[in-house]
C-alpha atoms as a PDB file:
ATOM      1  CA  MET A   1      29.919  46.656  30.808  1.00  0.00           C
ATOM      2  CA  LYS A   2      31.469  47.837  27.555  1.00  0.00           C
ATOM      3  CA  TYR A   3      32.831  45.594  24.787  1.00  0.00           C
ATOM      4  CA  ARG A   4      35.518  45.864  22.135  1.00  0.00           C
ATOM      5  CA  PRO A   5      36.424  43.611  19.187  1.00  0.00           C
ATOM      6  CA  LEU A   6      39.281  41.208  19.885  1.00  0.00           C
ATOM      7  CA  GLY A   7      41.381  41.658  16.760  1.00  0.00           C
ATOM      8  CA  ASN A   8      40.073  39.612  13.852  1.00  0.00           C
ATOM      9  CA  THR A   9      38.767  36.758  16.024  1.00  0.00           C
ATOM     10  CA  GLY A  10      35.132  37.794  15.676  1.00  0.00           C
ATOM     11  CA  PHE A  11      34.825  37.973  19.465  1.00  0.00           C
ATOM     12  CA  ASN A  12      33.588  41.117  21.181  1.00  0.00           C
ATOM     13  CA  VAL A  13      34.927  40.976  24.712  1.00  0.00           C
ATOM     14  CA  SER A  14      34.332  42.919  27.903  1.00  0.00           C
ATOM     15  CA  THR A  15      36.766  45.797  28.303  1.00  0.00           C
ATOM     16  CA  ILE A  16      37.380  44.703  31.889  1.00  0.00           C
ATOM     17  CA  SER A  17      37.752  40.951  31.818  1.00  0.00           C
ATOM     18  CA  PHE A  18      38.996  38.370  34.322  1.00  0.00           C
ATOM     19  CA  GLY A  19      42.603  37.316  34.803  1.00  0.00           C
ATOM     20  CA  ALA A  20      42.671  33.932  36.513  1.00  0.00           C
ATOM     21  CA  TRP A  21      46.283  33.638  37.706  1.00  0.00           C
ATOM     22  CA  ALA A  22      45.444  34.492  41.313  1.00  0.00           C
ATOM     23  CA  ILE A  23      42.720  31.846  41.653  1.00  0.00           C
ATOM     24  CA  GLY A  24      45.188  29.179  40.581  1.00  0.00           C
ATOM     25  CA  GLY A  25      48.136  29.937  42.815  1.00  0.00           C
ATOM     26  CA  ALA A  26      51.338  31.919  43.486  1.00  0.00           C
ATOM     27  CA  TRP A  27      49.346  34.716  45.170  1.00  0.00           C
ATOM     28  CA  GLY A  28      49.160  33.294  48.685  1.00  0.00           C
ATOM     29  CA  GLU A  29      46.285  31.223  50.007  1.00  0.00           C
ATOM     30  CA  VAL A  30      43.170  31.080  47.885  1.00  0.00           C
ATOM     31  CA  ASP A  31      39.816  29.393  48.513  1.00  0.00           C
ATOM     32  CA  ASP A  32      37.988  27.711  45.638  1.00  0.00           C
ATOM     33  CA  ALA A  33      34.581  28.812  46.917  1.00  0.00           C
ATOM     34  CA  ASP A  34      35.762  32.427  46.990  1.00  0.00           C
ATOM     35  CA  SER A  35      37.290  32.017  43.532  1.00  0.00           C
ATOM     36  CA  LEU A  36      34.042  30.697  42.088  1.00  0.00           C
ATOM     37  CA  ALA A  37      32.160  33.555  43.756  1.00  0.00           C
ATOM     38  CA  ALA A  38      34.541  36.009  42.071  1.00  0.00           C
ATOM     39  CA  LEU A  39      34.081  34.334  38.688  1.00  0.00           C
ATOM     40  CA  ASN A  40      30.296  34.281  39.025  1.00  0.00           C
ATOM     41  CA  LYS A  41      30.178  37.926  40.112  1.00  0.00           C
ATOM     42  CA  ALA A  42      32.245  38.884  37.082  1.00  0.00           C
ATOM     43  CA  ILE A  43      29.881  37.066  34.718  1.00  0.00           C
ATOM     44  CA  ASP A  44      26.881  38.618  36.467  1.00  0.00           C
ATOM     45  CA  LEU A  45      28.411  42.045  35.760  1.00  0.00           C
ATOM     46  CA  GLY A  46      28.801  41.378  32.038  1.00  0.00           C
ATOM     47  CA  VAL A  47      32.278  39.870  31.776  1.00  0.00           C
ATOM     48  CA  ASN A  48      32.470  37.388  28.914  1.00  0.00           C
ATOM     49  CA  PHE A  49      36.226  36.787  28.663  1.00  0.00           C
ATOM     50  CA  ILE A  50      38.524  34.938  31.075  1.00  0.00           C
ATOM     51  CA  ASP A  51      42.273  34.487  30.735  1.00  0.00           C
ATOM     52  CA  THR A  52      44.051  31.573  32.385  1.00  0.00           C
ATOM     53  CA  ALA A  53      47.013  29.229  31.829  1.00  0.00           C
ATOM     54  CA  ASP A  54      47.740  25.550  32.229  1.00  0.00           C
ATOM     55  CA  VAL A  55      50.340  26.226  34.943  1.00  0.00           C
ATOM     56  CA  TYR A  56      48.151  28.377  37.196  1.00  0.00           C
ATOM     57  CA  GLY A  57      47.907  26.024  40.143  1.00  0.00           C
ATOM     58  CA  ASP A  58      48.916  23.140  37.859  1.00  0.00           C
ATOM     59  CA  GLY A  59      45.487  23.252  36.195  1.00  0.00           C
ATOM     60  CA  ARG A  60      43.497  24.424  39.225  1.00  0.00           C
ATOM     61  CA  SER A  61      42.502  27.685  37.557  1.00  0.00           C
ATOM     62  CA  GLU A  62      41.438  25.946  34.343  1.00  0.00           C
ATOM     63  CA  ARG A  63      39.357  23.402  36.257  1.00  0.00           C
ATOM     64  CA  LEU A  64      37.528  26.153  38.157  1.00  0.00           C
ATOM     65  CA  ILE A  65      36.695  27.854  34.866  1.00  0.00           C
ATOM     66  CA  GLY A  66      35.539  24.522  33.469  1.00  0.00           C
ATOM     67  CA  LYS A  67      33.138  24.219  36.401  1.00  0.00           C
ATOM     68  CA  LEU A  68      31.925  27.780  35.861  1.00  0.00           C
ATOM     69  CA  ARG A  69      31.139  27.048  32.221  1.00  0.00           C
ATOM     70  CA  LYS A  70      29.330  23.858  33.168  1.00  0.00           C
ATOM     71  CA  ASP A  71      27.304  25.659  35.836  1.00  0.00           C
ATOM     72  CA  ARG A  72      26.369  28.513  33.477  1.00  0.00           C
ATOM     73  CA  PRO A  73      25.671  26.927  30.074  1.00  0.00           C
ATOM     74  CA  ARG A  74      23.484  29.831  28.931  1.00  0.00           C
ATOM     75  CA  ASP A  75      26.178  32.458  29.463  1.00  0.00           C
ATOM     76  CA  THR A  76      28.788  33.347  26.882  1.00  0.00           C
ATOM     77  CA  VAL A  77      32.179  32.658  28.451  1.00  0.00           C
ATOM     78  CA  ILE A  78      35.105  33.046  26.051  1.00  0.00           C
ATOM     79  CA  VAL A  79      38.212  31.424  27.496  1.00  0.00           C
ATOM     80  CA  ALA A  80      41.846  32.110  26.673  1.00  0.00           C
ATOM     81  CA  THR A  81      44.504  29.825  28.075  1.00  0.00           C
ATOM     82  CA  LYS A  82      48.258  29.650  27.704  1.00  0.00           C
ATOM     83  CA  ALA A  83      50.816  26.908  27.135  1.00  0.00           C
ATOM     84  CA  GLY A  84      54.559  26.511  27.331  1.00  0.00           C
ATOM     85  CA  ARG A  85      55.527  27.041  30.950  1.00  0.00           C
ATOM     86  CA  ARG A  86      55.124  23.361  31.777  1.00  0.00           C
ATOM     87  CA  LEU A  87      58.556  22.805  30.284  1.00  0.00           C
ATOM     88  CA  PRO A  88      61.050  22.013  33.064  1.00  0.00           C
ATOM     89  CA  LYS A  89      63.526  24.222  31.205  1.00  0.00           C
ATOM     90  CA  GLN A  90      62.581  26.831  28.637  1.00  0.00           C
ATOM     91  CA  THR A  91      64.123  26.032  25.238  1.00  0.00           C
ATOM     92  CA  PRO A  92      62.857  26.689  21.693  1.00  0.00           C
ATOM     93  CA  GLN A  93      63.118  22.941  21.034  1.00  0.00           C
ATOM     94  CA  GLY A  94      60.568  22.334  23.789  1.00  0.00           C
ATOM     95  CA  TYR A  95      57.855  23.878  21.609  1.00  0.00           C
ATOM     96  CA  SER A  96      57.452  20.697  19.608  1.00  0.00           C
ATOM     97  CA  ARG A  97      54.349  19.219  18.008  1.00  0.00           C
ATOM     98  CA  GLU A  98      54.213  16.504  20.662  1.00  0.00           C
ATOM     99  CA  ASN A  99      54.491  18.901  23.588  1.00  0.00           C
ATOM    100  CA  LEU A 100      52.045  21.440  22.187  1.00  0.00           C
ATOM    101  CA  ASN A 101      49.467  18.742  21.560  1.00  0.00           C
ATOM    102  CA  GLN A 102      49.890  17.326  25.052  1.00  0.00           C
ATOM    103  CA  TRP A 103      49.508  20.745  26.665  1.00  0.00           C
ATOM    104  CA  VAL A 104      46.475  21.657  24.573  1.00  0.00           C
ATOM    105  CA  ASP A 105      44.745  18.320  25.171  1.00  0.00           C
ATOM    106  CA  ARG A 106      45.250  18.717  28.914  1.00  0.00           C
ATOM    107  CA  SER A 107      43.775  22.231  28.830  1.00  0.00           C
ATOM    108  CA  ARG A 108      40.821  21.054  26.770  1.00  0.00           C
ATOM    109  CA  GLN A 109      40.136  18.413  29.398  1.00  0.00           C
ATOM    110  CA  ASN A 110      40.528  20.822  32.334  1.00  0.00           C
ATOM    111  CA  LEU A 111      38.283  23.423  30.715  1.00  0.00           C
ATOM    112  CA  GLN A 112      35.798  20.853  29.368  1.00  0.00           C
ATOM    113  CA  MET A 113      36.108  22.358  25.885  1.00  0.00           C
ATOM    114  CA  ASP A 114      36.464  20.474  22.611  1.00  0.00           C
ATOM    115  CA  THR A 115      37.968  23.567  20.969  1.00  0.00           C
ATOM    116  CA  LEU A 116      39.902  26.225  22.860  1.00  0.00           C
ATOM    117  CA  ASP A 117      38.694  29.736  22.020  1.00  0.00           C
ATOM    118  CA  LEU A 118      42.178  31.238  22.241  1.00  0.00           C
ATOM    119  CA  LEU A 119      45.530  29.575  22.902  1.00  0.00           C
ATOM    120  CA  GLN A 120      48.530  31.769  23.720  1.00  0.00           C
ATOM    121  CA  LEU A 121      52.192  30.878  23.855  1.00  0.00           C
ATOM    122  CA  HIS A 122      53.119  31.628  27.460  1.00  0.00           C
ATOM    123  CA  CYS A 123      56.161  33.916  27.405  1.00  0.00           C
ATOM    124  CA  PRO A 124      58.356  31.499  25.443  1.00  0.00           C
ATOM    125  CA  PRO A 125      62.086  31.986  24.850  1.00  0.00           C
ATOM    126  CA  ALA A 126      62.732  35.016  22.644  1.00  0.00           C
ATOM    127  CA  GLU A 127      64.045  32.773  19.834  1.00  0.00           C
ATOM    128  CA  VAL A 128      60.590  31.235  19.405  1.00  0.00           C
ATOM    129  CA  TYR A 129      59.251  34.471  17.916  1.00  0.00           C
ATOM    130  CA  ASP A 130      61.666  33.981  15.017  1.00  0.00           C
ATOM    131  CA  THR A 131      60.770  30.303  14.527  1.00  0.00           C
ATOM    132  CA  SER A 132      58.085  30.006  11.879  1.00  0.00           C
ATOM    133  CA  GLU A 133      57.803  26.248  12.457  1.00  0.00           C
ATOM    134  CA  VAL A 134      56.256  26.784  15.892  1.00  0.00           C
ATOM    135  CA  PHE A 135      53.568  29.046  14.462  1.00  0.00           C
ATOM    136  CA  GLY A 136      53.009  26.477  11.719  1.00  0.00           C
ATOM    137  CA  LEU A 137      52.208  23.951  14.447  1.00  0.00           C
ATOM    138  CA  LEU A 138      49.646  26.357  15.862  1.00  0.00           C
ATOM    139  CA  ASP A 139      48.142  26.742  12.389  1.00  0.00           C
ATOM    140  CA  ASP A 140      47.827  22.953  12.266  1.00  0.00           C
ATOM    141  CA  MET A 141      45.962  22.969  15.581  1.00  0.00           C
ATOM    142  CA  VAL A 142      43.485  25.469  14.184  1.00  0.00           C
ATOM    143  CA  LYS A 143      42.948  23.247  11.141  1.00  0.00           C
ATOM    144  CA  ALA A 144      42.483  20.218  13.393  1.00  0.00           C
ATOM    145  CA  GLY A 145      39.784  21.988  15.394  1.00  0.00           C
ATOM    146  CA  LYS A 146      41.644  21.920  18.717  1.00  0.00           C
ATOM    147  CA  VAL A 147      42.125  25.681  18.762  1.00  0.00           C
ATOM    148  CA  ARG A 148      39.920  28.414  17.308  1.00  0.00           C
ATOM    149  CA  HIS A 149      42.505  31.215  17.438  1.00  0.00           C
ATOM    150  CA  TYR A 150      45.992  31.724  18.827  1.00  0.00           C
ATOM    151  CA  GLY A 151      48.139  34.530  20.153  1.00  0.00           C
ATOM    152  CA  ILE A 152      51.150  35.242  22.321  1.00  0.00           C
ATOM    153  CA  SER A 153      51.877  36.433  25.840  1.00  0.00           C
ATOM    154  CA  VAL A 154      55.118  38.390  25.966  1.00  0.00           C
ATOM    155  CA  GLU A 155      57.560  39.998  28.350  1.00  0.00           C
ATOM    156  CA  THR A 156      58.907  42.752  26.096  1.00  0.00           C
ATOM    157  CA  VAL A 157      57.782  45.145  23.391  1.00  0.00           C
ATOM    158  CA  ASP A 158      60.446  43.715  21.094  1.00  0.00           C
ATOM    159  CA  GLU A 159      58.950  40.223  21.463  1.00  0.00           C
ATOM    160  CA  ALA A 160      55.491  41.612  20.697  1.00  0.00           C
ATOM    161  CA  LEU A 161      56.704  43.300  17.518  1.00  0.00           C
ATOM    162  CA  ARG A 162      58.471  40.135  16.373  1.00  0.00           C
ATOM    163  CA  GLY A 163      55.465  37.980  17.218  1.00  0.00           C
ATOM    164  CA  ILE A 164      52.918  39.889  15.180  1.00  0.00           C
ATOM    165  CA  ARG A 165      54.953  39.319  12.018  1.00  0.00           C
ATOM    166  CA  HIS A 166      53.342  35.857  11.974  1.00  0.00           C
ATOM    167  CA  PRO A 167      49.975  36.245  10.232  1.00  0.00           C
ATOM    168  CA  GLY A 168      48.149  33.746  12.448  1.00  0.00           C
ATOM    169  CA  VAL A 169      48.817  35.700  15.650  1.00  0.00           C
ATOM    170  CA  GLN A 170      45.481  37.287  16.539  1.00  0.00           C
ATOM    171  CA  THR A 171      46.272  38.616  20.012  1.00  0.00           C
ATOM    172  CA  VAL A 172      49.139  39.867  22.148  1.00  0.00           C
ATOM    173  CA  GLN A 173      49.047  39.817  25.925  1.00  0.00           C
ATOM    174  CA  ILE A 174      51.482  42.368  27.326  1.00  0.00           C
ATOM    175  CA  ILE A 175      52.091  44.098  30.654  1.00  0.00           C
ATOM    176  CA  PHE A 176      50.545  47.565  30.446  1.00  0.00           C
ATOM    177  CA  ASN A 177      49.640  49.859  33.311  1.00  0.00           C
ATOM    178  CA  MET A 178      50.505  53.264  34.792  1.00  0.00           C
ATOM    179  CA  PHE A 179      53.993  51.935  35.563  1.00  0.00           C
ATOM    180  CA  ARG A 180      54.502  50.510  32.044  1.00  0.00           C
ATOM    181  CA  LEU A 181      53.884  53.030  29.271  1.00  0.00           C
ATOM    182  CA  LYS A 182      56.355  51.643  26.747  1.00  0.00           C
ATOM    183  CA  PRO A 183      53.797  49.486  24.841  1.00  0.00           C
ATOM    184  CA  ALA A 184      51.674  52.558  24.110  1.00  0.00           C
ATOM    185  CA  GLU A 185      54.664  54.360  22.670  1.00  0.00           C
ATOM    186  CA  LEU A 186      56.283  51.588  20.627  1.00  0.00           C
ATOM    187  CA  PHE A 187      53.779  48.785  20.013  1.00  0.00           C
ATOM    188  CA  PHE A 188      50.134  49.834  19.944  1.00  0.00           C
ATOM    189  CA  ALA A 189      50.216  51.497  16.538  1.00  0.00           C
ATOM    190  CA  ALA A 190      51.779  48.422  14.907  1.00  0.00           C
ATOM    191  CA  ALA A 191      49.196  46.152  16.550  1.00  0.00           C
ATOM    192  CA  ALA A 192      46.321  48.361  15.445  1.00  0.00           C
ATOM    193  CA  ALA A 193      47.642  48.416  11.864  1.00  0.00           C
ATOM    194  CA  ARG A 194      47.522  44.616  11.807  1.00  0.00           C
ATOM    195  CA  LYS A 195      44.196  44.464  13.702  1.00  0.00           C
ATOM    196  CA  VAL A 196      45.793  42.483  16.523  1.00  0.00           C
ATOM    197  CA  GLY A 197      43.894  42.370  19.822  1.00  0.00           C
ATOM    198  CA  ILE A 198      45.739  43.557  22.925  1.00  0.00           C
ATOM    199  CA  LEU A 199      45.179  42.081  26.381  1.00  0.00           C
ATOM    200  CA  ALA A 200      46.613  44.362  29.076  1.00  0.00           C
ATOM    201  CA  ARG A 201      47.966  42.032  31.731  1.00  0.00           C
ATOM    202  CA  VAL A 202      49.268  42.857  35.218  1.00  0.00           C
ATOM    203  CA  PRO A 203      47.044  45.966  34.986  1.00  0.00           C
ATOM    204  CA  LEU A 204      47.303  46.682  38.718  1.00  0.00           C
ATOM    205  CA  ALA A 205      51.050  46.043  39.006  1.00  0.00           C
ATOM    206  CA  SER A 206      50.545  42.980  41.219  1.00  0.00           C
ATOM    207  CA  GLY A 207      48.217  44.942  43.482  1.00  0.00           C
ATOM    208  CA  LEU A 208      50.444  47.991  43.984  1.00  0.00           C
ATOM    209  CA  LEU A 209      47.976  50.114  42.044  1.00  0.00           C
ATOM    210  CA  THR A 210      45.142  49.210  44.405  1.00  0.00           C
ATOM    211  CA  GLY A 211      46.779  51.519  46.955  1.00  0.00           C
ATOM    212  CA  LYS A 212      46.314  48.943  49.702  1.00  0.00           C
ATOM    213  CA  PHE A 213      49.968  48.168  50.437  1.00  0.00           C
ATOM    214  CA  SER A 214      52.490  49.881  52.670  1.00  0.00           C
ATOM    215  CA  ALA A 215      56.087  49.423  53.780  1.00  0.00           C
ATOM    216  CA  ALA A 216      54.730  47.194  56.560  1.00  0.00           C
ATOM    217  CA  SER A 217      52.775  44.883  54.224  1.00  0.00           C
ATOM    218  CA  SER A 218      53.858  41.261  54.174  1.00  0.00           C
ATOM    219  CA  PHE A 219      53.213  38.466  51.697  1.00  0.00           C
ATOM    220  CA  ALA A 220      53.017  34.713  52.144  1.00  0.00           C
ATOM    221  CA  ALA A 221      55.990  32.582  51.207  1.00  0.00           C
ATOM    222  CA  SER A 222      53.869  31.102  48.388  1.00  0.00           C
ATOM    223  CA  ASP A 223      53.152  34.570  46.944  1.00  0.00           C
ATOM    224  CA  HIS A 224      55.316  35.688  44.014  1.00  0.00           C
ATOM    225  CA  ARG A 225      55.289  39.181  45.503  1.00  0.00           C
ATOM    226  CA  GLN A 226      57.476  37.683  48.209  1.00  0.00           C
ATOM    227  CA  PHE A 227      59.619  35.170  46.309  1.00  0.00           C
ATOM    228  CA  ASN A 228      60.083  36.809  42.899  1.00  0.00           C
ATOM    229  CA  ARG A 229      60.847  40.489  43.518  1.00  0.00           C
ATOM    230  CA  ASN A 230      64.241  40.160  41.867  1.00  0.00           C
ATOM    231  CA  GLY A 231      63.270  37.533  39.295  1.00  0.00           C
ATOM    232  CA  GLU A 232      64.283  34.523  41.370  1.00  0.00           C
ATOM    233  CA  ALA A 233      61.560  32.292  39.852  1.00  0.00           C
ATOM    234  CA  PHE A 234      60.593  33.992  36.567  1.00  0.00           C
ATOM    235  CA  ASN A 235      60.898  37.367  34.852  1.00  0.00           C
ATOM    236  CA  LYS A 236      60.973  40.038  37.559  1.00  0.00           C
ATOM    237  CA  GLY A 237      58.725  42.234  35.437  1.00  0.00           C
ATOM    238  CA  GLU A 238      55.827  39.941  36.385  1.00  0.00           C
ATOM    239  CA  THR A 239      56.083  41.136  39.996  1.00  0.00           C
ATOM    240  CA  PHE A 240      55.083  44.759  40.689  1.00  0.00           C
ATOM    241  CA  SER A 241      55.769  45.327  36.952  1.00  0.00           C
ATOM    242  CA  GLY A 242      59.481  45.317  37.755  1.00  0.00           C
ATOM    243  CA  VAL A 243      59.190  48.531  39.783  1.00  0.00           C
ATOM    244  CA  PRO A 244      61.189  48.602  43.045  1.00  0.00           C
ATOM    245  CA  TYR A 245      58.651  48.187  45.847  1.00  0.00           C
ATOM    246  CA  ASP A 246      59.573  51.295  47.825  1.00  0.00           C
ATOM    247  CA  LEU A 247      59.479  53.461  44.707  1.00  0.00           C
ATOM    248  CA  GLY A 248      56.144  51.948  43.748  1.00  0.00           C
ATOM    249  CA  LEU A 249      54.674  52.889  47.116  1.00  0.00           C
ATOM    250  CA  LYS A 250      55.895  56.472  46.691  1.00  0.00           C
ATOM    251  CA  LEU A 251      54.342  56.754  43.223  1.00  0.00           C
ATOM    252  CA  VAL A 252      51.065  55.293  44.460  1.00  0.00           C
ATOM    253  CA  GLU A 253      50.770  58.186  46.909  1.00  0.00           C
ATOM    254  CA  ASP A 254      51.276  60.582  44.000  1.00  0.00           C
ATOM    255  CA  LEU A 255      48.612  58.763  41.983  1.00  0.00           C
ATOM    256  CA  LYS A 256      46.149  58.932  44.855  1.00  0.00           C
ATOM    257  CA  ARG A 257      46.338  62.721  44.613  1.00  0.00           C
ATOM    258  CA  LEU A 258      45.518  62.482  40.890  1.00  0.00           C
ATOM    259  CA  CYS A 259      42.648  60.020  41.305  1.00  0.00           C
ATOM    260  CA  PRO A 260      39.373  61.529  40.044  1.00  0.00           C
ATOM    261  CA  ALA A 261      36.555  61.942  42.542  1.00  0.00           C
ATOM    262  CA  GLY A 262      34.241  58.972  42.718  1.00  0.00           C
ATOM    263  CA  MET A 263      36.883  56.418  41.709  1.00  0.00           C
ATOM    264  CA  THR A 264      38.918  54.061  43.825  1.00  0.00           C
ATOM    265  CA  LEU A 265      42.593  53.904  42.895  1.00  0.00           C
ATOM    266  CA  THR A 266      41.943  50.431  41.437  1.00  0.00           C
ATOM    267  CA  GLN A 267      39.226  51.820  39.189  1.00  0.00           C
ATOM    268  CA  PHE A 268      41.404  54.783  38.206  1.00  0.00           C
ATOM    269  CA  ALA A 269      44.205  52.414  37.158  1.00  0.00           C
ATOM    270  CA  LEU A 270      41.863  50.246  35.102  1.00  0.00           C
ATOM    271  CA  ARG A 271      39.945  53.118  33.509  1.00  0.00           C
ATOM    272  CA  TRP A 272      43.304  54.691  32.590  1.00  0.00           C
ATOM    273  CA  ILE A 273      44.156  51.598  30.544  1.00  0.00           C
ATOM    274  CA  LEU A 274      40.864  51.831  28.646  1.00  0.00           C
ATOM    275  CA  MET A 275      41.741  55.358  27.534  1.00  0.00           C
ATOM    276  CA  PHE A 276      43.980  53.672  24.942  1.00  0.00           C
ATOM    277  CA  ASP A 277      41.812  52.579  22.014  1.00  0.00           C
ATOM    278  CA  ALA A 278      44.311  49.952  20.855  1.00  0.00           C
ATOM    279  CA  VAL A 279      43.711  47.961  24.046  1.00  0.00           C
ATOM    280  CA  THR A 280      40.947  45.402  23.769  1.00  0.00           C
ATOM    281  CA  CYS A 281      40.659  44.695  27.466  1.00  0.00           C
ATOM    282  CA  ALA A 282      42.399  44.724  30.819  1.00  0.00           C
ATOM    283  CA  ILE A 283      42.525  41.439  32.713  1.00  0.00           C
ATOM    284  CA  PRO A 284      42.784  42.131  36.453  1.00  0.00           C
ATOM    285  CA  GLY A 285      42.597  39.241  38.873  1.00  0.00           C
ATOM    286  CA  ALA A 286      40.111  38.862  41.711  1.00  0.00           C
ATOM    287  CA  LYS A 287      40.206  36.393  44.596  1.00  0.00           C
ATOM    288  CA  ASN A 288      36.704  37.181  45.846  1.00  0.00           C
ATOM    289  CA  ALA A 289      33.422  38.730  44.702  1.00  0.00           C
ATOM    290  CA  ARG A 290      34.155  42.110  46.293  1.00  0.00           C
ATOM    291  CA  GLN A 291      37.375  42.524  44.319  1.00  0.00           C
ATOM    292  CA  ALA A 292      35.577  41.444  41.146  1.00  0.00           C
ATOM    293  CA  GLN A 293      32.876  44.074  41.711  1.00  0.00           C
ATOM    294  CA  ASP A 294      35.457  46.842  42.225  1.00  0.00           C
ATOM    295  CA  ASN A 295      37.349  45.824  39.092  1.00  0.00           C
ATOM    296  CA  MET A 296      34.439  45.397  36.723  1.00  0.00           C
ATOM    297  CA  SER A 297      32.703  48.653  37.623  1.00  0.00           C
ATOM    298  CA  ALA A 298      35.666  50.551  36.147  1.00  0.00           C
ATOM    299  CA  ALA A 299      34.337  49.856  32.644  1.00  0.00           C
ATOM    300  CA  GLU A 300      31.348  52.154  33.204  1.00  0.00           C
ATOM    301  CA  LEU A 301      33.258  55.110  34.641  1.00  0.00           C
ATOM    302  CA  PRO A 302      33.681  58.388  32.723  1.00  0.00           C
ATOM    303  CA  ALA A 303      36.797  59.197  30.718  1.00  0.00           C
ATOM    304  CA  ILE A 304      39.825  60.425  32.605  1.00  0.00           C
ATOM    305  CA  PRO A 305      40.563  64.130  32.005  1.00  0.00           C
ATOM    306  CA  GLY A 306      43.393  64.897  29.610  1.00  0.00           C
ATOM    307  CA  ALA A 307      45.317  66.861  32.242  1.00  0.00           C
ATOM    308  CA  THR A 308      45.287  63.801  34.511  1.00  0.00           C
ATOM    309  CA  MET A 309      46.571  61.588  31.715  1.00  0.00           C
ATOM    310  CA  VAL A 310      49.423  64.047  31.190  1.00  0.00           C
ATOM    311  CA  ALA A 311      50.204  64.063  34.917  1.00  0.00           C
ATOM    312  CA  VAL A 312      50.429  60.238  35.022  1.00  0.00           C
ATOM    313  CA  LYS A 313      52.844  60.290  32.099  1.00  0.00           C
ATOM    314  CA  LYS A 314      54.921  62.940  33.839  1.00  0.00           C
ATOM    315  CA  LEU A 315      55.359  60.642  36.855  1.00  0.00           C
ATOM    316  CA  TYR A 316      56.431  57.831  34.538  1.00  0.00           C
ATOM    317  CA  ASP A 317      58.882  60.052  32.697  1.00  0.00           C
ATOM    318  CA  GLU A 318      60.456  61.345  35.892  1.00  0.00           C
ATOM    319  CA  TYR A 319      60.701  58.166  37.946  1.00  0.00           C
ATOM    320  CA  LEU A 320      60.264  55.069  35.786  1.00  0.00           C
ATOM    321  CA  ARG A 321      61.275  55.619  32.180  1.00  0.00           C
ATOM    322  CA  ALA A 322      64.969  55.005  32.845  1.00  0.00           C
ATOM    323  CA  ILE A 323      64.131  51.788  34.703  1.00  0.00           C
ATOM    324  CA  ILE A 324      61.448  50.313  32.460  1.00  0.00           C
ATOM    325  CA  GLN A 325      62.368  51.244  28.904  1.00  0.00           C
ATOM    326  CA  PRO A 326      65.738  49.417  28.685  1.00  0.00           C
ATOM    327  CA  GLN A 327      64.414  46.173  30.200  1.00  0.00           C
ATOM    328  CA  TRP A 328      60.944  45.630  28.741  1.00  0.00           C
END
C-alpha cells in the first residue's frame, strides 16, 4: 500500500481507502459478515482510512466500523464520517448548532469514538458554502474536542471552490473518475494551493467501471442504481456518475481495449485516479473480501502510460464533456 498526506490534517492515508456506503445500504442486499470480512481484508492490506456517513443504513455502516475498531485496537483506523442528510428536507437553516451536535454525538456513539477524526458536511444545499456561521459551528466542535478536523462532500466543482474559501476546511470529497474529469481541470490546482486533501468518491462510477455490467444487468429495488438513475431520490450524479447507462456501457468497452496488461478494469480505473498528484486517495466500496482485494491491489500497480492517459481523455472529450461539464 502507498500513502499520501491528507491536506494539513497530519494524517497519512492509504491511496486506496475504503468507502463504506455499500455496506450500509442502498446497494441491494448486503450481509454484515461479508461487510466485516471486506473491512478486515482492507486493513490487512494496509488500508488505514475509511469513509462513511450517518445515513448509510441509518447508522449501520458506522456501527460496523465501530466494531472493526473495537476488534482491532492495535491497528490505525482513521475514520471520516458525514452529517447533514438526516434532515427530512435540505435547507441551510437545518445546519444549526443543535442539529449538528445531535448528528455528531450519534456518530460518535455509533463509531465508539470520543473524537471524530474527520467530519464532512454531506452534500448540503449550495447556499451553505456561503454561510460562514455553519463553518463557525464546525470550528466550535473542533475546540470542544468532538471533531479533530472537518471537510466537505460536494456535488459540483463550483461548490468545492466555494467551500475551500473557509480556512477550516481540510478536505473535499468529490466525484472523480474516468467519466468525470472536470475536477482535474478546474479544481485540483486550487485545492493543492491551499493544501486541501481530496477524496475521490464514486471512483468506479457505481460499478460501471468494473466492466461487469451489461444491457441485461438488473438491480434490486433497494439499489440506487435502479431507483435513482434520473435523480428521483438524490442528485443523479451519484448514480453511474450521471452518465446515461447505455452510453456508459459503450465507453466501458472502449476502456477495456485501453486497459494495460496485468490489470483488471477496476484496477485500471483506480490506478488512473492515482495518476493525479492532487488526489489524496480514492474510496471505492467493497461488499466482500474479494472485491476489497481487487480494489486495494491497485495501489501497487505501475504508472499508466502517458498515451493511455491521453486516450482516456479523448473518450471523455468526445462523448462526455458536453454532458458532464454543464451539470457538475
